[in-house]
Amino acid sequence: MTLRLDPGLEAELRLAAEEDHRSVHQTVVLAVETYLALRETAEVRADPEALRALAEARQAVQEGSVIYGTGAVRDLLKERQAS
């Protein structure tokens, strides 16, 4: 992929890369990853159903009704099958 930048933006990019002790390539990759993550966050925040699900998950964690690990899941399934 070829990236053509305005000379001023390219100079800022090179300066940022140097300050962060990264290559220009690494700095561009990080910038793109950050941009995509921000877009995804904006999409989630715009989705009321996703926000509701996140709130429910947060509440479940606070209440301690979250299980971890395959063993715990198997035990929970056995309990549900027994009842």
C-alpha atoms as a PDB file:
ATOM      1  CA  MET A   1       0.000   0.000   0.000  1.00  0.00           C
ATOM      2  CA  THR A   2       1.259   3.434  -0.833  1.00  0.00           C
ATOM      3  CA  LEU A   3       0.373   6.335   1.392  1.00  0.00           C
ATOM      4  CA  ARG A   4       0.716   9.871   0.090  1.00  0.00           C
ATOM      5  CA  LEU A   5       0.623  12.543   2.757  1.00  0.00           C
ATOM      6  CA  ASP A   6       0.683  16.301   2.745  1.00  0.00           C
ATOM      7  CA  PRO A   7       4.293  17.341   3.485  1.00  0.00           C
ATOM      8  CA  GLY A   8       3.276  19.002   6.762  1.00  0.00           C
ATOM      9  CA  LEU A   9       1.435  15.890   7.959  1.00  0.00           C
ATOM     10  CA  GLU A  10       4.338  13.690   6.890  1.00  0.00           C
ATOM     11  CA  ALA A  11       6.729  15.860   8.915  1.00  0.00           C
ATOM     12  CA  GLU A  12       4.453  15.565  11.971  1.00  0.00           C
ATOM     13  CA  LEU A  13       4.269  11.815  11.481  1.00  0.00           C
ATOM     14  CA  ARG A  14       8.044  11.479  11.282  1.00  0.00           C
ATOM     15  CA  LEU A  15       8.454  13.638  14.383  1.00  0.00           C
ATOM     16  CA  ALA A  16       5.906  11.588  16.313  1.00  0.00           C
ATOM     17  CA  ALA A  17       7.609   8.359  15.258  1.00  0.00           C
ATOM     18  CA  GLU A  18      10.969   9.673  16.389  1.00  0.00           C
ATOM     19  CA  GLU A  19       9.592  10.888  19.731  1.00  0.00           C
ATOM     20  CA  ASP A  20       7.920   7.533  20.357  1.00  0.00           C
ATOM     21  CA  HIS A  21      11.025   5.576  19.269  1.00  0.00           C
ATOM     22  CA  ARG A  22       9.043   3.822  16.549  1.00  0.00           C
ATOM     23  CA  SER A  23       9.417   3.508  12.824  1.00  0.00           C
ATOM     24  CA  VAL A  24       7.125   5.568  10.624  1.00  0.00           C
ATOM     25  CA  HIS A  25       5.479   2.299   9.568  1.00  0.00           C
ATOM     26  CA  GLN A  26       4.779   1.313  13.187  1.00  0.00           C
ATOM     27  CA  THR A  27       3.398   4.774  13.896  1.00  0.00           C
ATOM     28  CA  VAL A  28       1.042   4.607  10.910  1.00  0.00           C
ATOM     29  CA  VAL A  29      -0.142   1.119  11.905  1.00  0.00           C
ATOM     30  CA  LEU A  30      -0.802   2.319  15.460  1.00  0.00           C
ATOM     31  CA  ALA A  31      -2.700   5.362  14.157  1.00  0.00           C
ATOM     32  CA  VAL A  32      -4.876   3.204  11.896  1.00  0.00           C
ATOM     33  CA  GLU A  33      -5.566   0.692  14.688  1.00  0.00           C
ATOM     34  CA  THR A  34      -6.512   3.535  17.039  1.00  0.00           C
ATOM     35  CA  TYR A  35      -8.810   5.062  14.431  1.00  0.00           C
ATOM     36  CA  LEU A  36     -10.566   1.738  13.797  1.00  0.00           C
ATOM     37  CA  ALA A  37     -10.987   1.114  17.535  1.00  0.00           C
ATOM     38  CA  LEU A  38     -12.518   4.580  17.988  1.00  0.00           C
ATOM     39  CA  ARG A  39     -14.931   3.886  15.126  1.00  0.00           C
ATOM     40  CA  GLU A  40     -15.961   0.610  16.712  1.00  0.00           C
ATOM     41  CA  THR A  41     -16.470   2.315  20.073  1.00  0.00           C
ATOM     42  CA  ALA A  42     -18.632   4.970  18.410  1.00  0.00           C
ATOM     43  CA  GLU A  43     -20.716   2.245  16.753  1.00  0.00           C
ATOM     44  CA  VAL A  44     -21.288   0.501  20.086  1.00  0.00           C
ATOM     45  CA  ARG A  45     -22.223   3.775  21.790  1.00  0.00           C
ATOM     46  CA  ALA A  46     -24.748   4.455  19.047  1.00  0.00           C
ATOM     47  CA  ASP A  47     -26.415   1.049  19.509  1.00  0.00           C
ATOM     48  CA  PRO A  48     -28.903   1.103  22.432  1.00  0.00           C
ATOM     49  CA  GLU A  49     -29.167  -2.684  22.486  1.00  0.00           C
ATOM     50  CA  ALA A  50     -25.383  -3.084  22.746  1.00  0.00           C
ATOM     51  CA  LEU A  51     -25.283  -0.524  25.571  1.00  0.00           C
ATOM     52  CA  ARG A  52     -28.058  -2.380  27.390  1.00  0.00           C
ATOM     53  CA  ALA A  53     -26.172  -5.679  27.038  1.00  0.00           C
ATOM     54  CA  LEU A  54     -22.974  -4.082  28.347  1.00  0.00           C
ATOM     55  CA  ALA A  55     -24.842  -2.632  31.337  1.00  0.00           C
ATOM     56  CA  GLU A  56     -26.326  -6.059  32.099  1.00  0.00           C
ATOM     57  CA  ALA A  57     -22.900  -7.679  31.861  1.00  0.00           C
ATOM     58  CA  ARG A  58     -21.376  -5.049  34.169  1.00  0.00           C
ATOM     59  CA  GLN A  59     -24.161  -5.648  36.694  1.00  0.00           C
ATOM     60  CA  ALA A  60     -23.645  -9.412  36.523  1.00  0.00           C
ATOM     61  CA  VAL A  61     -19.934  -8.958  37.264  1.00  0.00           C
ATOM     62  CA  GLN A  62     -20.697  -6.652  40.193  1.00  0.00           C
ATOM     63  CA  GLU A  63     -23.184  -9.177  41.591  1.00  0.00           C
ATOM     64  CA  GLY A  64     -20.660 -11.981  41.217  1.00  0.00           C
ATOM     65  CA  SER A  65     -22.894 -13.997  38.910  1.00  0.00           C
ATOM     66  CA  VAL A  66     -20.140 -14.557  36.364  1.00  0.00           C
ATOM     67  CA  ILE A  67     -18.289 -17.830  36.063  1.00  0.00           C
ATOM     68  CA  TYR A  68     -14.843 -18.415  34.624  1.00  0.00           C
ATOM     69  CA  GLY A  69     -13.240 -21.458  33.040  1.00  0.00           C
ATOM     70  CA  THR A  70     -14.480 -24.554  31.293  1.00  0.00           C
ATOM     71  CA  GLY A  71     -14.760 -26.501  34.543  1.00  0.00           C
ATOM     72  CA  ALA A  72     -17.126 -23.939  36.003  1.00  0.00           C
ATOM     73  CA  VAL A  73     -19.248 -23.998  32.842  1.00  0.00           C
ATOM     74  CA  ARG A  74     -19.465 -27.795  32.947  1.00  0.00           C
ATOM     75  CA  ASP A  75     -20.500 -27.692  36.619  1.00  0.00           C
ATOM     76  CA  LEU A  76     -23.183 -25.113  35.857  1.00  0.00           C
ATOM     77  CA  LEU A  77     -24.539 -27.229  32.999  1.00  0.00           C
ATOM     78  CA  LYS A  78     -24.666 -30.306  35.249  1.00  0.00           C
ATOM     79  CA  GLU A  79     -26.601 -28.296  37.877  1.00  0.00           C
ATOM     80  CA  ARG A  80     -29.095 -27.110  35.266  1.00  0.00           C
ATOM     81  CA  GLN A  81     -29.580 -30.617  33.844  1.00  0.00           C
ATOM     82  CA  ALA A  82     -30.142 -32.047  37.326  1.00  0.00           C
ATOM     83  CA  SER A  83     -32.938 -29.601  38.117  1.00  0.00           C
END
